[in-house]
Amino acid sequence: MSTSLSMLEAFGMQARSLINELEDTFPPHTPTPDQSISSIMYRSGQRSVVEWIYNKLEEENNGMESSPL
């Protein structure tokens, strides 16, 4: 099964849309002294998942750019 360029472009748009939604839902957060440790850890865990997804998409995107067509 071959993958056309338009399919890759559509996936790229979907991935960007996902990243934008995750950024809006789970933005970077600076903890405050009045927050509990468990609350800080929970929010940090959410954000680390967003950053992991972002990094994975960036790695795949960079791999696609450097591979010959």
PDB file of N, CA and C in Angstrom:
ATOM      1  N   MET A   1       0.849  -1.183   0.000  1.00  0.00           N
ATOM      2  CA  MET A   1       0.000   0.000   0.000  1.00  0.00           C
ATOM      3  C   MET A   1       0.892   1.243   0.000  1.00  0.00           C
ATOM      4  N   SER A   2       0.674   2.113  -0.950  1.00  0.00           N
ATOM      5  CA  SER A   2       1.483   3.326  -1.019  1.00  0.00           C
ATOM      6  C   SER A   2       0.761   4.476  -0.324  1.00  0.00           C
ATOM      7  N   THR A   3       1.556   5.406   0.146  1.00  0.00           N
ATOM      8  CA  THR A   3       1.024   6.584   0.824  1.00  0.00           C
ATOM      9  C   THR A   3       1.255   7.785  -0.063  1.00  0.00           C
ATOM     10  N   SER A   4       0.175   8.468  -0.406  1.00  0.00           N
ATOM     11  CA  SER A   4       0.327   9.639  -1.264  1.00  0.00           C
ATOM     12  C   SER A   4       0.719  10.856  -0.435  1.00  0.00           C
ATOM     13  N   LEU A   5       1.270  11.854  -1.122  1.00  0.00           N
ATOM     14  CA  LEU A   5       1.685  13.072  -0.444  1.00  0.00           C
ATOM     15  C   LEU A   5       0.499  13.755   0.215  1.00  0.00           C
ATOM     16  N   SER A   6      -0.667  13.720  -0.439  1.00  0.00           N
ATOM     17  CA  SER A   6      -1.838  14.378   0.152  1.00  0.00           C
ATOM     18  C   SER A   6      -2.250  13.718   1.465  1.00  0.00           C
ATOM     19  N   MET A   7      -2.066  12.401   1.566  1.00  0.00           N
ATOM     20  CA  MET A   7      -2.374  11.712   2.825  1.00  0.00           C
ATOM     21  C   MET A   7      -1.419  12.168   3.918  1.00  0.00           C
ATOM     22  N   LEU A   8      -0.128  12.327   3.562  1.00  0.00           N
ATOM     23  CA  LEU A   8       0.854  12.786   4.545  1.00  0.00           C
ATOM     24  C   LEU A   8       0.562  14.215   4.965  1.00  0.00           C
ATOM     25  N   GLU A   9       0.163  15.043   4.017  1.00  0.00           N
ATOM     26  CA  GLU A   9      -0.183  16.426   4.345  1.00  0.00           C
ATOM     27  C   GLU A   9      -1.395  16.464   5.259  1.00  0.00           C
ATOM     28  N   ALA A  10      -2.393  15.622   4.998  1.00  0.00           N
ATOM     29  CA  ALA A  10      -3.582  15.575   5.848  1.00  0.00           C
ATOM     30  C   ALA A  10      -3.210  15.130   7.255  1.00  0.00           C
ATOM     31  N   PHE A  11      -2.330  14.138   7.378  1.00  0.00           N
ATOM     32  CA  PHE A  11      -1.891  13.700   8.703  1.00  0.00           C
ATOM     33  C   PHE A  11      -1.169  14.826   9.422  1.00  0.00           C
ATOM     34  N   GLY A  12      -0.353  15.570   8.693  1.00  0.00           N
ATOM     35  CA  GLY A  12       0.359  16.697   9.286  1.00  0.00           C
ATOM     36  C   GLY A  12      -0.592  17.743   9.837  1.00  0.00           C
ATOM     37  N   MET A  13      -1.659  18.015   9.095  1.00  0.00           N
ATOM     38  CA  MET A  13      -2.649  18.989   9.562  1.00  0.00           C
ATOM     39  C   MET A  13      -3.362  18.472  10.809  1.00  0.00           C
ATOM     40  N   GLN A  14      -3.675  17.173  10.825  1.00  0.00           N
ATOM     41  CA  GLN A  14      -4.329  16.583  11.987  1.00  0.00           C
ATOM     42  C   GLN A  14      -3.402  16.624  13.194  1.00  0.00           C
ATOM     43  N   ALA A  15      -2.136  16.335  12.981  1.00  0.00           N
ATOM     44  CA  ALA A  15      -1.174  16.351  14.083  1.00  0.00           C
ATOM     45  C   ALA A  15      -1.029  17.761  14.642  1.00  0.00           C
ATOM     46  N   ARG A  16      -0.950  18.757  13.760  1.00  0.00           N
ATOM     47  CA  ARG A  16      -0.851  20.146  14.227  1.00  0.00           C
ATOM     48  C   ARG A  16      -2.102  20.549  14.999  1.00  0.00           C
ATOM     49  N   SER A  17      -3.240  20.101  14.534  1.00  0.00           N
ATOM     50  CA  SER A  17      -4.495  20.398  15.228  1.00  0.00           C
ATOM     51  C   SER A  17      -4.499  19.762  16.617  1.00  0.00           C
ATOM     52  N   LEU A  18      -4.011  18.534  16.706  1.00  0.00           N
ATOM     53  CA  LEU A  18      -3.922  17.838  17.992  1.00  0.00           C
ATOM     54  C   LEU A  18      -2.992  18.578  18.939  1.00  0.00           C
ATOM     55  N   ILE A  19      -1.832  18.981  18.452  1.00  0.00           N
ATOM     56  CA  ILE A  19      -0.871  19.715  19.285  1.00  0.00           C
ATOM     57  C   ILE A  19      -1.483  21.019  19.770  1.00  0.00           C
ATOM     58  N   ASN A  20      -2.149  21.743  18.887  1.00  0.00           N
ATOM     59  CA  ASN A  20      -2.774  23.009  19.290  1.00  0.00           C
ATOM     60  C   ASN A  20      -3.827  22.789  20.365  1.00  0.00           C
ATOM     61  N   GLU A  21      -4.629  21.746  20.218  1.00  0.00           N
ATOM     62  CA  GLU A  21      -5.656  21.457  21.224  1.00  0.00           C
ATOM     63  C   GLU A  21      -5.033  21.049  22.555  1.00  0.00           C
ATOM     64  N   LEU A  22      -3.985  20.236  22.511  1.00  0.00           N
ATOM     65  CA  LEU A  22      -3.303  19.838  23.744  1.00  0.00           C
ATOM     66  C   LEU A  22      -2.659  21.034  24.427  1.00  0.00           C
ATOM     67  N   GLU A  23      -2.052  21.928  23.645  1.00  0.00           N
ATOM     68  CA  GLU A  23      -1.438  23.131  24.210  1.00  0.00           C
ATOM     69  C   GLU A  23      -2.487  24.003  24.904  1.00  0.00           C
ATOM     70  N   ASP A  24      -3.676  24.108  24.292  1.00  0.00           N
ATOM     71  CA  ASP A  24      -4.744  24.904  24.895  1.00  0.00           C
ATOM     72  C   ASP A  24      -5.302  24.251  26.159  1.00  0.00           C
ATOM     73  N   THR A  25      -5.422  22.921  26.132  1.00  0.00           N
ATOM     74  CA  THR A  25      -6.012  22.195  27.258  1.00  0.00           C
ATOM     75  C   THR A  25      -5.045  22.044  28.426  1.00  0.00           C
ATOM     76  N   PHE A  26      -3.771  21.776  28.111  1.00  0.00           N
ATOM     77  CA  PHE A  26      -2.759  21.538  29.143  1.00  0.00           C
ATOM     78  C   PHE A  26      -1.558  22.457  28.936  1.00  0.00           C
ATOM     79  N   PRO A  27      -1.726  23.759  29.152  1.00  0.00           N
ATOM     80  CA  PRO A  27      -0.617  24.695  28.924  1.00  0.00           C
ATOM     81  C   PRO A  27       0.473  24.523  29.981  1.00  0.00           C
ATOM     82  N   PRO A  28       1.670  25.017  29.682  1.00  0.00           N
ATOM     83  CA  PRO A  28       2.721  25.007  30.712  1.00  0.00           C
ATOM     84  C   PRO A  28       2.230  25.797  31.928  1.00  0.00           C
ATOM     85  N   HIS A  29       2.565  25.314  33.094  1.00  0.00           N
ATOM     86  CA  HIS A  29       2.041  25.907  34.321  1.00  0.00           C
ATOM     87  C   HIS A  29       3.177  26.105  35.320  1.00  0.00           C
ATOM     88  N   THR A  30       3.224  27.274  35.894  1.00  0.00           N
ATOM     89  CA  THR A  30       4.190  27.541  36.949  1.00  0.00           C
ATOM     90  C   THR A  30       3.498  27.323  38.288  1.00  0.00           C
ATOM     91  N   PRO A  31       3.978  26.374  39.086  1.00  0.00           N
ATOM     92  CA  PRO A  31       3.331  26.109  40.371  1.00  0.00           C
ATOM     93  C   PRO A  31       3.463  27.292  41.332  1.00  0.00           C
ATOM     94  N   THR A  32       2.507  27.368  42.224  1.00  0.00           N
ATOM     95  CA  THR A  32       2.520  28.402  43.252  1.00  0.00           C
ATOM     96  C   THR A  32       2.679  27.741  44.622  1.00  0.00           C
ATOM     97  N   PRO A  33       3.151  28.490  45.611  1.00  0.00           N
ATOM     98  CA  PRO A  33       3.378  27.908  46.938  1.00  0.00           C
ATOM     99  C   PRO A  33       2.114  27.353  47.611  1.00  0.00           C
ATOM    100  N   ASP A  34       0.944  27.841  47.214  1.00  0.00           N
ATOM    101  CA  ASP A  34      -0.275  27.365  47.862  1.00  0.00           C
ATOM    102  C   ASP A  34      -0.801  26.055  47.272  1.00  0.00           C
ATOM    103  N   GLN A  35      -0.186  25.534  46.220  1.00  0.00           N
ATOM    104  CA  GLN A  35      -0.624  24.271  45.632  1.00  0.00           C
ATOM    105  C   GLN A  35      -0.012  23.092  46.379  1.00  0.00           C
ATOM    106  N   SER A  36      -0.780  22.018  46.440  1.00  0.00           N
ATOM    107  CA  SER A  36      -0.261  20.805  47.085  1.00  0.00           C
ATOM    108  C   SER A  36       0.730  20.117  46.143  1.00  0.00           C
ATOM    109  N   ILE A  37       1.595  19.321  46.733  1.00  0.00           N
ATOM    110  CA  ILE A  37       2.576  18.568  45.948  1.00  0.00           C
ATOM    111  C   ILE A  37       1.864  17.643  44.965  1.00  0.00           C
ATOM    112  N   SER A  38       0.794  17.001  45.400  1.00  0.00           N
ATOM    113  CA  SER A  38       0.087  16.081  44.504  1.00  0.00           C
ATOM    114  C   SER A  38      -0.532  16.821  43.321  1.00  0.00           C
ATOM    115  N   SER A  39      -1.033  18.027  43.540  1.00  0.00           N
ATOM    116  CA  SER A  39      -1.592  18.824  42.443  1.00  0.00           C
ATOM    117  C   SER A  39      -0.501  19.216  41.453  1.00  0.00           C
ATOM    118  N   ILE A  40       0.643  19.623  41.968  1.00  0.00           N
ATOM    119  CA  ILE A  40       1.772  20.001  41.108  1.00  0.00           C
ATOM    120  C   ILE A  40       2.236  18.789  40.301  1.00  0.00           C
ATOM    121  N   MET A  41       2.337  17.644  40.936  1.00  0.00           N
ATOM    122  CA  MET A  41       2.778  16.433  40.251  1.00  0.00           C
ATOM    123  C   MET A  41       1.772  16.009  39.182  1.00  0.00           C
ATOM    124  N   TYR A  42       0.486  16.123  39.480  1.00  0.00           N
ATOM    125  CA  TYR A  42      -0.559  15.744  38.526  1.00  0.00           C
ATOM    126  C   TYR A  42      -0.477  16.611  37.271  1.00  0.00           C
ATOM    127  N   ARG A  43      -0.404  17.923  37.459  1.00  0.00           N
ATOM    128  CA  ARG A  43      -0.326  18.843  36.311  1.00  0.00           C
ATOM    129  C   ARG A  43       0.968  18.648  35.535  1.00  0.00           C
ATOM    130  N   SER A  44       2.048  18.381  36.249  1.00  0.00           N
ATOM    131  CA  SER A  44       3.329  18.136  35.602  1.00  0.00           C
ATOM    132  C   SER A  44       3.264  16.866  34.747  1.00  0.00           C
ATOM    133  N   GLY A  45       2.586  15.863  35.264  1.00  0.00           N
ATOM    134  CA  GLY A  45       2.416  14.619  34.502  1.00  0.00           C
ATOM    135  C   GLY A  45       1.612  14.831  33.238  1.00  0.00           C
ATOM    136  N   GLN A  46       0.552  15.630  33.333  1.00  0.00           N
ATOM    137  CA  GLN A  46      -0.239  15.937  32.149  1.00  0.00           C
ATOM    138  C   GLN A  46       0.633  16.631  31.107  1.00  0.00           C
ATOM    139  N   ARG A  47       1.372  17.607  31.546  1.00  0.00           N
ATOM    140  CA  ARG A  47       2.203  18.379  30.630  1.00  0.00           C
ATOM    141  C   ARG A  47       3.306  17.531  30.020  1.00  0.00           C
ATOM    142  N   SER A  48       3.864  16.606  30.802  1.00  0.00           N
ATOM    143  CA  SER A  48       4.944  15.776  30.260  1.00  0.00           C
ATOM    144  C   SER A  48       4.428  14.883  29.133  1.00  0.00           C
ATOM    145  N   VAL A  49       3.179  14.461  29.202  1.00  0.00           N
ATOM    146  CA  VAL A  49       2.592  13.668  28.117  1.00  0.00           C
ATOM    147  C   VAL A  49       2.460  14.521  26.862  1.00  0.00           C
ATOM    148  N   VAL A  50       2.009  15.763  27.017  1.00  0.00           N
ATOM    149  CA  VAL A  50       1.891  16.685  25.879  1.00  0.00           C
ATOM    150  C   VAL A  50       3.253  16.883  25.237  1.00  0.00           C
ATOM    151  N   GLU A  51       4.273  17.111  26.028  1.00  0.00           N
ATOM    152  CA  GLU A  51       5.614  17.324  25.498  1.00  0.00           C
ATOM    153  C   GLU A  51       6.167  16.069  24.839  1.00  0.00           C
ATOM    154  N   TRP A  52       5.855  14.895  25.370  1.00  0.00           N
ATOM    155  CA  TRP A  52       6.297  13.638  24.768  1.00  0.00           C
ATOM    156  C   TRP A  52       5.672  13.481  23.384  1.00  0.00           C
ATOM    157  N   ILE A  53       4.367  13.744  23.281  1.00  0.00           N
ATOM    158  CA  ILE A  53       3.685  13.640  21.985  1.00  0.00           C
ATOM    159  C   ILE A  53       4.294  14.632  21.000  1.00  0.00           C
ATOM    160  N   TYR A  54       4.498  15.859  21.438  1.00  0.00           N
ATOM    161  CA  TYR A  54       5.089  16.885  20.591  1.00  0.00           C
ATOM    162  C   TYR A  54       6.474  16.447  20.095  1.00  0.00           C
ATOM    163  N   ASN A  55       7.295  15.933  20.990  1.00  0.00           N
ATOM    164  CA  ASN A  55       8.644  15.487  20.608  1.00  0.00           C
ATOM    165  C   ASN A  55       8.598  14.323  19.623  1.00  0.00           C
ATOM    166  N   LYS A  56       7.681  13.383  19.821  1.00  0.00           N
ATOM    167  CA  LYS A  56       7.551  12.246  18.913  1.00  0.00           C
ATOM    168  C   LYS A  56       7.162  12.721  17.521  1.00  0.00           C
ATOM    169  N   LEU A  57       6.196  13.648  17.446  1.00  0.00           N
ATOM    170  CA  LEU A  57       5.781  14.173  16.149  1.00  0.00           C
ATOM    171  C   LEU A  57       6.914  14.934  15.480  1.00  0.00           C
ATOM    172  N   GLU A  58       7.686  15.676  16.249  1.00  0.00           N
ATOM    173  CA  GLU A  58       8.830  16.404  15.704  1.00  0.00           C
ATOM    174  C   GLU A  58       9.886  15.426  15.182  1.00  0.00           C
ATOM    175  N   GLU A  59      10.158  14.355  15.919  1.00  0.00           N
ATOM    176  CA  GLU A  59      11.135  13.355  15.479  1.00  0.00           C
ATOM    177  C   GLU A  59      10.696  12.726  14.164  1.00  0.00           C
ATOM    178  N   GLU A  60       9.417  12.359  14.072  1.00  0.00           N
ATOM    179  CA  GLU A  60       8.901  11.754  12.848  1.00  0.00           C
ATOM    180  C   GLU A  60       8.952  12.744  11.696  1.00  0.00           C
ATOM    181  N   ASN A  61       8.612  13.996  11.976  1.00  0.00           N
ATOM    182  CA  ASN A  61       8.632  15.017  10.931  1.00  0.00           C
ATOM    183  C   ASN A  61      10.049  15.251  10.442  1.00  0.00           C
ATOM    184  N   ASN A  62      11.009  15.319  11.338  1.00  0.00           N
ATOM    185  CA  ASN A  62      12.403  15.502  10.954  1.00  0.00           C
ATOM    186  C   ASN A  62      12.926  14.295  10.197  1.00  0.00           C
ATOM    187  N   GLY A  63      12.478  13.112  10.561  1.00  0.00           N
ATOM    188  CA  GLY A  63      12.888  11.906   9.855  1.00  0.00           C
ATOM    189  C   GLY A  63      12.355  11.873   8.446  1.00  0.00           C
ATOM    190  N   MET A  64      11.133  12.380   8.247  1.00  0.00           N
ATOM    191  CA  MET A  64      10.531  12.406   6.927  1.00  0.00           C
ATOM    192  C   MET A  64      11.238  13.422   6.034  1.00  0.00           C
ATOM    193  N   GLU A  65      11.691  14.549   6.615  1.00  0.00           N
ATOM    194  CA  GLU A  65      12.364  15.570   5.830  1.00  0.00           C
ATOM    195  C   GLU A  65      13.729  15.109   5.359  1.00  0.00           C
ATOM    196  N   SER A  66      14.409  14.308   6.173  1.00  0.00           N
ATOM    197  CA  SER A  66      15.766  13.904   5.815  1.00  0.00           C
ATOM    198  C   SER A  66      15.797  12.639   4.954  1.00  0.00           C
ATOM    199  N   SER A  67      14.675  11.913   4.852  1.00  0.00           N
ATOM    200  CA  SER A  67      14.685  10.688   4.066  1.00  0.00           C
ATOM    201  C   SER A  67      14.463  11.006   2.593  1.00  0.00           C
ATOM    202  N   PRO A  68      15.159  10.318   1.710  1.00  0.00           N
ATOM    203  CA  PRO A  68      14.981  10.564   0.283  1.00  0.00           C
ATOM    204  C   PRO A  68      13.635  10.040  -0.200  1.00  0.00           C
ATOM    205  N   LEU A  69      13.029  10.740  -1.150  1.00  0.00           N
ATOM    206  CA  LEU A  69      11.721  10.312  -1.679  1.00  0.00           C
ATOM    207  C   LEU A  69      11.923   9.395  -2.814  1.00  0.00           C
TER     208      LEU A  69
END
